[in-house]
N, C-alpha and C. Protein backbone atom coordinates (compact mmCIF):
# COMPACT_ATOMS: atom_id res chain seq x y z
N UNK A 1 16.03 -73.97 21.24
CA UNK A 1 15.22 -72.82 21.45
C UNK A 1 14.60 -72.42 20.11
N UNK A 2 13.25 -72.35 20.11
CA UNK A 2 12.59 -72.00 18.85
C UNK A 2 12.71 -70.50 18.60
N UNK A 3 12.92 -70.11 17.36
CA UNK A 3 13.00 -68.68 16.98
C UNK A 3 11.68 -68.25 16.39
N UNK A 4 11.32 -67.02 16.67
CA UNK A 4 10.08 -66.47 16.11
C UNK A 4 10.35 -65.97 14.69
N UNK A 5 9.40 -66.19 13.84
CA UNK A 5 9.59 -65.75 12.47
C UNK A 5 9.70 -64.21 12.39
N UNK A 6 10.45 -63.69 11.43
CA UNK A 6 10.63 -62.23 11.33
C UNK A 6 9.32 -61.48 11.10
N UNK A 7 8.34 -62.09 10.44
CA UNK A 7 7.06 -61.42 10.21
C UNK A 7 6.35 -61.10 11.53
N UNK A 8 6.40 -62.05 12.46
CA UNK A 8 5.75 -61.84 13.76
C UNK A 8 6.48 -60.79 14.57
N UNK A 9 7.79 -60.74 14.48
CA UNK A 9 8.57 -59.73 15.19
C UNK A 9 8.23 -58.33 14.64
N UNK A 10 8.14 -58.22 13.34
CA UNK A 10 7.81 -56.93 12.72
C UNK A 10 6.38 -56.51 13.07
N UNK A 11 5.45 -57.50 13.06
CA UNK A 11 4.05 -57.19 13.40
C UNK A 11 3.94 -56.73 14.84
N UNK A 12 4.65 -57.37 15.76
CA UNK A 12 4.62 -56.99 17.18
C UNK A 12 5.21 -55.59 17.37
N UNK A 13 6.29 -55.27 16.65
CA UNK A 13 6.89 -53.93 16.75
C UNK A 13 5.93 -52.87 16.22
N UNK A 14 5.24 -53.18 15.11
CA UNK A 14 4.27 -52.24 14.55
C UNK A 14 3.12 -52.01 15.52
N UNK A 15 2.62 -53.08 16.14
CA UNK A 15 1.52 -52.94 17.11
C UNK A 15 1.95 -52.11 18.31
N UNK A 16 3.20 -52.31 18.79
CA UNK A 16 3.68 -51.49 19.90
C UNK A 16 3.78 -50.02 19.51
N UNK A 17 4.23 -49.71 18.28
CA UNK A 17 4.34 -48.32 17.81
C UNK A 17 2.96 -47.68 17.68
N UNK A 18 1.98 -48.45 17.18
CA UNK A 18 0.61 -47.93 17.06
C UNK A 18 0.02 -47.64 18.44
N UNK A 19 0.26 -48.51 19.39
CA UNK A 19 -0.26 -48.30 20.76
C UNK A 19 0.38 -47.06 21.38
N UNK A 20 1.67 -46.87 21.16
CA UNK A 20 2.33 -45.68 21.70
C UNK A 20 1.78 -44.41 21.05
N UNK A 21 1.50 -44.46 19.76
CA UNK A 21 0.94 -43.29 19.07
C UNK A 21 -0.45 -42.98 19.58
N UNK A 22 -1.28 -44.03 19.79
CA UNK A 22 -2.63 -43.81 20.34
C UNK A 22 -2.58 -43.19 21.73
N UNK A 23 -1.59 -43.59 22.50
CA UNK A 23 -1.44 -43.04 23.85
C UNK A 23 -1.12 -41.54 23.79
N UNK A 24 -0.46 -41.12 22.72
CA UNK A 24 -0.15 -39.70 22.55
C UNK A 24 -1.29 -38.92 21.90
N UNK A 25 -2.37 -39.62 21.51
CA UNK A 25 -3.50 -38.93 20.90
C UNK A 25 -3.45 -38.92 19.38
N UNK A 26 -2.50 -39.63 18.79
CA UNK A 26 -2.39 -39.70 17.34
C UNK A 26 -3.19 -40.88 16.82
N UNK A 27 -3.53 -40.84 15.56
CA UNK A 27 -4.30 -41.93 14.96
C UNK A 27 -3.53 -42.49 13.77
N UNK A 28 -2.70 -43.45 13.98
CA UNK A 28 -1.92 -44.00 12.87
C UNK A 28 -2.80 -44.70 11.86
N UNK A 29 -2.48 -44.52 10.60
CA UNK A 29 -3.23 -45.17 9.53
C UNK A 29 -4.38 -44.35 9.01
N UNK A 30 -4.86 -43.34 9.75
CA UNK A 30 -5.96 -42.50 9.26
C UNK A 30 -5.37 -41.26 8.59
N UNK A 31 -6.13 -40.64 7.69
CA UNK A 31 -5.59 -39.44 7.02
C UNK A 31 -5.35 -38.32 8.04
N UNK A 32 -4.38 -37.47 7.74
CA UNK A 32 -4.01 -36.38 8.66
C UNK A 32 -5.17 -35.39 8.79
N UNK A 33 -5.39 -34.95 10.02
CA UNK A 33 -6.44 -33.95 10.27
C UNK A 33 -5.86 -32.57 10.02
N UNK A 34 -6.67 -31.70 9.43
CA UNK A 34 -6.23 -30.33 9.14
C UNK A 34 -7.01 -29.36 10.03
N UNK A 35 -6.40 -28.26 10.29
CA UNK A 35 -7.05 -27.22 11.07
C UNK A 35 -8.24 -26.67 10.28
N UNK A 36 -9.36 -26.35 10.94
CA UNK A 36 -10.48 -25.75 10.21
C UNK A 36 -10.15 -24.35 9.67
N UNK A 37 -9.09 -23.73 10.20
CA UNK A 37 -8.70 -22.41 9.73
C UNK A 37 -7.77 -22.46 8.53
N UNK A 38 -7.25 -23.64 8.22
CA UNK A 38 -6.31 -23.77 7.11
C UNK A 38 -7.04 -23.57 5.79
N UNK A 39 -6.31 -23.09 4.80
CA UNK A 39 -6.89 -22.90 3.47
C UNK A 39 -7.18 -24.25 2.85
N UNK A 40 -8.25 -24.35 2.07
CA UNK A 40 -8.53 -25.63 1.42
C UNK A 40 -7.44 -25.97 0.41
N UNK A 41 -7.15 -27.24 0.30
CA UNK A 41 -6.11 -27.68 -0.63
C UNK A 41 -6.67 -27.69 -2.04
N UNK A 42 -5.81 -27.30 -2.97
CA UNK A 42 -6.17 -27.37 -4.38
C UNK A 42 -5.47 -28.57 -4.98
N UNK A 43 -6.18 -29.31 -5.77
CA UNK A 43 -5.59 -30.48 -6.41
C UNK A 43 -4.79 -30.06 -7.63
N UNK A 44 -5.07 -28.89 -8.22
CA UNK A 44 -4.39 -28.45 -9.43
C UNK A 44 -2.96 -28.03 -9.12
N UNK A 45 -2.11 -28.20 -10.07
CA UNK A 45 -0.73 -27.78 -9.93
C UNK A 45 -0.64 -26.28 -10.15
N UNK A 46 0.38 -25.65 -9.60
CA UNK A 46 0.59 -24.23 -9.80
C UNK A 46 0.65 -23.49 -8.49
N UNK A 47 0.91 -22.19 -8.54
CA UNK A 47 1.05 -21.41 -7.31
C UNK A 47 -0.28 -21.22 -6.60
N UNK A 48 -0.23 -21.15 -5.29
CA UNK A 48 -1.42 -20.83 -4.51
C UNK A 48 -1.07 -19.73 -3.52
N UNK A 49 -1.96 -19.39 -2.62
CA UNK A 49 -1.77 -18.26 -1.70
C UNK A 49 -0.63 -18.50 -0.71
N UNK A 50 -0.24 -19.75 -0.49
CA UNK A 50 0.82 -20.02 0.47
C UNK A 50 2.22 -19.96 -0.15
N UNK A 51 2.30 -19.87 -1.47
CA UNK A 51 3.59 -19.78 -2.14
C UNK A 51 4.13 -18.37 -2.04
N UNK A 52 5.46 -18.21 -2.09
CA UNK A 52 6.03 -16.85 -2.09
C UNK A 52 5.55 -16.09 -3.31
N UNK A 53 5.26 -14.80 -3.12
CA UNK A 53 4.77 -13.96 -4.20
C UNK A 53 5.55 -12.66 -4.22
N UNK A 54 5.50 -11.99 -5.37
CA UNK A 54 6.17 -10.70 -5.50
C UNK A 54 5.43 -9.65 -4.67
N UNK A 55 6.18 -8.76 -4.05
CA UNK A 55 5.59 -7.74 -3.19
C UNK A 55 4.64 -6.84 -3.96
N UNK A 56 5.01 -6.46 -5.17
CA UNK A 56 4.15 -5.58 -5.97
C UNK A 56 2.79 -6.20 -6.24
N UNK A 57 2.76 -7.50 -6.52
CA UNK A 57 1.48 -8.18 -6.77
C UNK A 57 0.63 -8.23 -5.52
N UNK A 58 1.26 -8.50 -4.38
CA UNK A 58 0.52 -8.59 -3.12
C UNK A 58 -0.05 -7.21 -2.74
N UNK A 59 0.77 -6.16 -2.85
CA UNK A 59 0.30 -4.81 -2.51
C UNK A 59 -0.79 -4.37 -3.47
N UNK A 60 -0.63 -4.65 -4.75
CA UNK A 60 -1.66 -4.29 -5.73
C UNK A 60 -2.99 -4.96 -5.43
N UNK A 61 -2.95 -6.25 -5.07
CA UNK A 61 -4.18 -6.96 -4.73
C UNK A 61 -4.81 -6.38 -3.47
N UNK A 62 -3.98 -6.04 -2.47
CA UNK A 62 -4.49 -5.44 -1.24
C UNK A 62 -5.17 -4.10 -1.52
N UNK A 63 -4.55 -3.27 -2.35
CA UNK A 63 -5.14 -1.97 -2.68
C UNK A 63 -6.47 -2.13 -3.40
N UNK A 64 -6.55 -3.09 -4.32
CA UNK A 64 -7.82 -3.32 -5.03
C UNK A 64 -8.89 -3.85 -4.08
N UNK A 65 -8.53 -4.79 -3.19
CA UNK A 65 -9.51 -5.36 -2.27
C UNK A 65 -10.06 -4.32 -1.30
N UNK A 66 -9.20 -3.42 -0.83
CA UNK A 66 -9.61 -2.41 0.15
C UNK A 66 -10.22 -1.16 -0.51
N UNK A 67 -10.10 -1.04 -1.84
CA UNK A 67 -10.64 0.13 -2.54
C UNK A 67 -9.79 1.38 -2.36
N UNK A 68 -8.48 1.18 -2.21
CA UNK A 68 -7.58 2.31 -1.95
C UNK A 68 -6.84 2.77 -3.20
N UNK A 69 -7.14 2.23 -4.36
CA UNK A 69 -6.33 2.53 -5.55
C UNK A 69 -6.37 4.01 -5.90
N UNK A 70 -7.54 4.64 -5.82
CA UNK A 70 -7.64 6.06 -6.18
C UNK A 70 -6.87 6.93 -5.19
N UNK A 71 -7.02 6.65 -3.90
CA UNK A 71 -6.32 7.45 -2.90
C UNK A 71 -4.80 7.33 -3.05
N UNK A 72 -4.34 6.12 -3.34
CA UNK A 72 -2.91 5.92 -3.49
C UNK A 72 -2.40 6.61 -4.76
N UNK A 73 -3.18 6.56 -5.84
CA UNK A 73 -2.74 7.23 -7.06
C UNK A 73 -2.70 8.73 -6.88
N UNK A 74 -3.66 9.30 -6.16
CA UNK A 74 -3.61 10.74 -5.88
C UNK A 74 -2.43 11.04 -4.96
N UNK A 75 -2.16 10.17 -4.01
CA UNK A 75 -1.00 10.35 -3.14
C UNK A 75 0.30 10.36 -3.93
N UNK A 76 0.37 9.54 -4.97
CA UNK A 76 1.55 9.55 -5.84
C UNK A 76 1.70 10.86 -6.57
N UNK A 77 0.60 11.42 -7.02
CA UNK A 77 0.66 12.71 -7.71
C UNK A 77 1.02 13.81 -6.73
N UNK A 78 0.49 13.76 -5.52
CA UNK A 78 0.83 14.76 -4.50
C UNK A 78 2.31 14.67 -4.16
N UNK A 79 2.85 13.46 -4.13
CA UNK A 79 4.27 13.28 -3.87
C UNK A 79 5.14 13.86 -4.98
N UNK A 80 4.62 13.87 -6.20
CA UNK A 80 5.35 14.43 -7.34
C UNK A 80 4.74 15.78 -7.76
N UNK A 81 4.21 16.52 -6.82
CA UNK A 81 3.49 17.77 -7.08
C UNK A 81 4.30 18.73 -7.96
N UNK A 82 5.56 18.89 -7.67
CA UNK A 82 6.41 19.82 -8.42
C UNK A 82 6.51 19.40 -9.89
N UNK A 83 6.60 18.11 -10.16
CA UNK A 83 6.67 17.62 -11.54
C UNK A 83 5.34 17.80 -12.27
N UNK A 84 4.24 17.66 -11.55
CA UNK A 84 2.92 17.72 -12.18
C UNK A 84 2.53 19.16 -12.51
N UNK A 85 2.74 20.10 -11.57
CA UNK A 85 2.25 21.47 -11.79
C UNK A 85 3.34 22.43 -12.24
N UNK A 86 4.59 22.08 -12.10
CA UNK A 86 5.67 22.97 -12.49
C UNK A 86 6.26 23.69 -11.29
N UNK A 87 7.46 24.22 -11.49
CA UNK A 87 8.19 24.85 -10.38
C UNK A 87 7.52 26.12 -9.86
N UNK A 88 7.01 26.98 -10.77
CA UNK A 88 6.42 28.25 -10.35
C UNK A 88 5.20 28.04 -9.44
N UNK A 89 4.31 27.17 -9.87
CA UNK A 89 3.10 26.93 -9.08
C UNK A 89 3.44 26.19 -7.79
N UNK A 90 4.37 25.24 -7.86
CA UNK A 90 4.73 24.47 -6.67
C UNK A 90 5.38 25.33 -5.60
N UNK A 91 6.05 26.41 -6.00
CA UNK A 91 6.66 27.32 -5.02
C UNK A 91 5.62 28.03 -4.17
N UNK A 92 4.43 28.25 -4.74
CA UNK A 92 3.43 29.07 -4.05
C UNK A 92 2.15 28.32 -3.68
N UNK A 93 1.96 27.11 -4.18
CA UNK A 93 0.74 26.34 -3.89
C UNK A 93 1.10 24.92 -3.49
N UNK A 94 0.47 24.43 -2.44
CA UNK A 94 0.73 23.06 -1.97
C UNK A 94 -0.59 22.33 -1.76
N UNK A 95 -0.63 21.04 -2.08
CA UNK A 95 -1.84 20.26 -1.82
C UNK A 95 -1.99 20.01 -0.32
N UNK A 96 -3.22 20.11 0.16
CA UNK A 96 -3.48 19.94 1.59
C UNK A 96 -4.15 18.59 1.85
N UNK A 97 -5.29 18.34 1.23
CA UNK A 97 -6.02 17.09 1.45
C UNK A 97 -6.66 16.62 0.16
N UNK A 98 -7.05 15.35 0.16
CA UNK A 98 -7.86 14.77 -0.91
C UNK A 98 -8.90 13.89 -0.24
N UNK A 99 -10.16 14.31 -0.33
CA UNK A 99 -11.26 13.54 0.25
C UNK A 99 -12.47 13.66 -0.65
N UNK A 100 -13.11 12.53 -0.89
CA UNK A 100 -14.35 12.47 -1.67
C UNK A 100 -14.20 13.17 -3.02
N UNK A 101 -13.13 12.85 -3.73
CA UNK A 101 -12.85 13.32 -5.09
C UNK A 101 -12.59 14.83 -5.16
N UNK A 102 -12.30 15.47 -4.02
CA UNK A 102 -11.99 16.91 -3.99
C UNK A 102 -10.55 17.08 -3.50
N UNK A 103 -9.74 17.72 -4.32
CA UNK A 103 -8.37 18.03 -3.95
C UNK A 103 -8.34 19.46 -3.43
N UNK A 104 -7.83 19.65 -2.23
CA UNK A 104 -7.75 20.98 -1.61
C UNK A 104 -6.30 21.45 -1.72
N UNK A 105 -6.13 22.66 -2.29
CA UNK A 105 -4.82 23.25 -2.50
C UNK A 105 -4.77 24.57 -1.75
N UNK A 106 -3.65 24.84 -1.05
CA UNK A 106 -3.49 26.10 -0.32
C UNK A 106 -2.42 26.93 -1.01
N UNK A 107 -2.77 28.19 -1.26
CA UNK A 107 -1.83 29.14 -1.87
C UNK A 107 -1.24 30.01 -0.77
N UNK A 108 -0.02 30.52 -1.00
CA UNK A 108 0.62 31.32 0.04
C UNK A 108 0.26 32.81 -0.03
N UNK A 109 -0.51 33.22 -1.03
CA UNK A 109 -1.00 34.61 -1.09
C UNK A 109 -2.33 34.61 -1.83
N UNK A 110 -3.07 35.69 -1.67
CA UNK A 110 -4.36 35.77 -2.36
C UNK A 110 -4.15 35.91 -3.86
N UNK A 111 -3.05 36.51 -4.28
CA UNK A 111 -2.78 36.63 -5.72
C UNK A 111 -2.56 35.23 -6.32
N UNK A 112 -1.81 34.38 -5.63
CA UNK A 112 -1.59 33.04 -6.14
C UNK A 112 -2.86 32.20 -6.02
N UNK A 113 -3.69 32.45 -5.03
CA UNK A 113 -4.96 31.74 -4.93
C UNK A 113 -5.84 32.08 -6.12
N UNK A 114 -5.87 33.35 -6.49
CA UNK A 114 -6.65 33.77 -7.67
C UNK A 114 -6.08 33.13 -8.93
N UNK A 115 -4.76 33.16 -9.07
CA UNK A 115 -4.10 32.55 -10.22
C UNK A 115 -4.41 31.05 -10.29
N UNK A 116 -4.38 30.39 -9.14
CA UNK A 116 -4.63 28.96 -9.11
C UNK A 116 -6.07 28.64 -9.47
N UNK A 117 -7.01 29.50 -9.06
CA UNK A 117 -8.42 29.29 -9.42
C UNK A 117 -8.61 29.36 -10.93
N UNK A 118 -7.82 30.21 -11.59
CA UNK A 118 -7.90 30.28 -13.05
C UNK A 118 -7.24 29.06 -13.70
N UNK A 119 -6.31 28.43 -13.02
CA UNK A 119 -5.61 27.27 -13.56
C UNK A 119 -6.29 25.94 -13.23
N UNK A 120 -7.41 25.97 -12.52
CA UNK A 120 -8.09 24.74 -12.11
C UNK A 120 -8.43 23.84 -13.29
N UNK A 121 -9.00 24.36 -14.41
CA UNK A 121 -9.30 23.45 -15.52
C UNK A 121 -8.05 22.73 -16.06
N UNK A 122 -6.93 23.47 -16.16
CA UNK A 122 -5.70 22.84 -16.61
C UNK A 122 -5.21 21.80 -15.60
N UNK A 123 -5.35 22.10 -14.31
CA UNK A 123 -4.93 21.16 -13.28
C UNK A 123 -5.78 19.89 -13.32
N UNK A 124 -7.09 20.04 -13.51
CA UNK A 124 -7.96 18.87 -13.59
C UNK A 124 -7.60 18.02 -14.81
N UNK A 125 -7.29 18.66 -15.93
CA UNK A 125 -6.88 17.93 -17.13
C UNK A 125 -5.59 17.16 -16.87
N UNK A 126 -4.64 17.83 -16.21
CA UNK A 126 -3.35 17.20 -15.92
C UNK A 126 -3.52 16.03 -14.94
N UNK A 127 -4.40 16.18 -13.96
CA UNK A 127 -4.67 15.10 -13.01
C UNK A 127 -5.31 13.91 -13.73
N UNK A 128 -6.22 14.19 -14.67
CA UNK A 128 -6.85 13.10 -15.43
C UNK A 128 -5.82 12.36 -16.25
N UNK A 129 -4.83 13.06 -16.79
CA UNK A 129 -3.76 12.40 -17.54
C UNK A 129 -2.90 11.53 -16.63
N UNK A 130 -2.63 12.03 -15.43
CA UNK A 130 -1.72 11.33 -14.52
C UNK A 130 -2.37 10.12 -13.84
N UNK A 131 -3.61 10.28 -13.35
CA UNK A 131 -4.20 9.22 -12.52
C UNK A 131 -5.50 8.65 -13.05
N UNK A 132 -6.02 9.21 -14.12
CA UNK A 132 -7.25 8.67 -14.69
C UNK A 132 -8.41 9.64 -14.56
N UNK A 133 -9.34 9.46 -15.46
CA UNK A 133 -10.51 10.34 -15.54
C UNK A 133 -11.45 10.08 -14.36
N UNK A 134 -11.96 11.14 -13.73
CA UNK A 134 -12.96 11.02 -12.69
C UNK A 134 -12.44 10.77 -11.29
N UNK A 135 -11.12 10.66 -11.10
CA UNK A 135 -10.60 10.45 -9.75
C UNK A 135 -10.65 11.76 -8.98
N UNK A 136 -10.15 12.85 -9.58
CA UNK A 136 -10.25 14.18 -8.99
C UNK A 136 -11.30 14.93 -9.80
N UNK A 137 -12.43 15.22 -9.18
CA UNK A 137 -13.51 15.90 -9.88
C UNK A 137 -13.53 17.40 -9.60
N UNK A 138 -12.93 17.82 -8.49
CA UNK A 138 -12.99 19.23 -8.11
C UNK A 138 -11.69 19.61 -7.41
N UNK A 139 -11.26 20.84 -7.64
CA UNK A 139 -10.10 21.38 -6.94
C UNK A 139 -10.58 22.60 -6.17
N UNK A 140 -10.37 22.60 -4.87
CA UNK A 140 -10.73 23.73 -4.01
C UNK A 140 -9.45 24.47 -3.64
N UNK A 141 -9.42 25.76 -3.90
CA UNK A 141 -8.23 26.57 -3.65
C UNK A 141 -8.47 27.43 -2.42
N UNK A 142 -7.58 27.33 -1.44
CA UNK A 142 -7.66 28.13 -0.22
C UNK A 142 -6.59 29.21 -0.27
N UNK A 143 -6.90 30.34 0.33
CA UNK A 143 -5.93 31.42 0.41
C UNK A 143 -4.95 31.19 1.55
N UNK A 144 -4.14 32.20 1.84
CA UNK A 144 -3.14 32.04 2.90
C UNK A 144 -3.79 31.86 4.27
N UNK A 145 -3.13 31.09 5.10
CA UNK A 145 -3.63 30.87 6.46
C UNK A 145 -2.79 31.73 7.40
N UNK A 146 -3.40 32.75 7.92
CA UNK A 146 -2.71 33.63 8.85
C UNK A 146 -3.55 33.82 10.10
N UNK A 147 -2.98 34.43 11.11
CA UNK A 147 -3.76 34.63 12.34
C UNK A 147 -4.89 35.62 12.09
N UNK A 148 -6.01 35.37 12.74
CA UNK A 148 -7.14 36.28 12.64
C UNK A 148 -7.01 37.42 13.64
N UNK A 149 -7.49 38.59 13.25
CA UNK A 149 -7.44 39.75 14.14
C UNK A 149 -8.83 40.16 14.59
N UNK A 150 -9.78 39.25 14.59
CA UNK A 150 -11.16 39.59 14.98
C UNK A 150 -11.30 39.66 16.50
N UNK A 151 -10.53 38.86 17.24
CA UNK A 151 -10.64 38.84 18.69
C UNK A 151 -9.24 38.92 19.28
N UNK A 152 -9.16 39.28 20.53
CA UNK A 152 -7.89 39.27 21.22
C UNK A 152 -7.26 40.65 21.30
N UNK A 153 -6.01 40.72 21.78
CA UNK A 153 -5.36 42.01 22.02
C UNK A 153 -5.06 42.78 20.73
N UNK A 154 -5.05 42.11 19.58
CA UNK A 154 -4.75 42.81 18.32
C UNK A 154 -5.99 43.02 17.48
N UNK A 155 -7.14 43.07 18.11
CA UNK A 155 -8.39 43.23 17.37
C UNK A 155 -8.41 44.59 16.67
N UNK A 156 -8.90 44.58 15.44
CA UNK A 156 -8.98 45.79 14.63
C UNK A 156 -10.43 45.99 14.23
N UNK A 157 -10.91 47.22 14.39
CA UNK A 157 -12.28 47.51 13.99
C UNK A 157 -12.32 47.70 12.49
N UNK A 158 -13.43 47.37 11.89
CA UNK A 158 -13.56 47.54 10.46
C UNK A 158 -13.22 46.24 9.72
N UNK A 159 -12.94 46.37 8.42
CA UNK A 159 -12.71 45.16 7.62
C UNK A 159 -11.44 44.41 7.99
N UNK A 160 -10.47 45.06 8.64
CA UNK A 160 -9.27 44.37 9.08
C UNK A 160 -8.23 44.28 7.98
N UNK A 161 -7.10 43.71 8.31
CA UNK A 161 -6.02 43.60 7.33
C UNK A 161 -6.40 42.64 6.22
N UNK A 162 -5.89 42.90 5.04
CA UNK A 162 -6.19 42.03 3.88
C UNK A 162 -5.07 41.01 3.72
N UNK A 163 -4.32 41.09 2.69
CA UNK A 163 -3.30 40.11 2.39
C UNK A 163 -1.95 40.61 2.88
N UNK A 164 -1.75 40.54 4.18
CA UNK A 164 -0.49 41.02 4.73
C UNK A 164 0.49 39.90 4.99
N UNK A 165 0.11 38.67 4.70
CA UNK A 165 0.95 37.54 5.04
C UNK A 165 1.55 36.87 3.82
N UNK A 166 1.43 37.44 2.62
CA UNK A 166 1.91 36.72 1.45
C UNK A 166 2.90 37.44 0.64
């Protein structure tokens, strides 16, 4: 009985494997196909976008790309409001909103609203030190928010009550 040479046996096995791969839709011997949505490969060595990265670097890049750095820095100052303005002012004045470079602060009485209006230049200077020049350009101070007596069962004729809520 004649024996087949090992080269022919190996070649026949390879041909059978290639045929089975073609039947599954694969293309043996051709370069691998990549998804059109995949990031392009870089030939250079070093980290790329698919490598693990530090959370701080990723969040910092996201904030810069979205243009949120100023809002987040003001939010940090609002979170540390007591440290920035001091205990006395923080007891009576709280930040309400920050939109379009205007910080809105609400005082709990008209006396503190007046005091805060006089402290606006110092507050703007302190904000510039904390978060950078030009981020907060204006501070708007609101007085106490209480119920109005212009309409309803408690309506009062004349100028009405003044600062009865502070």
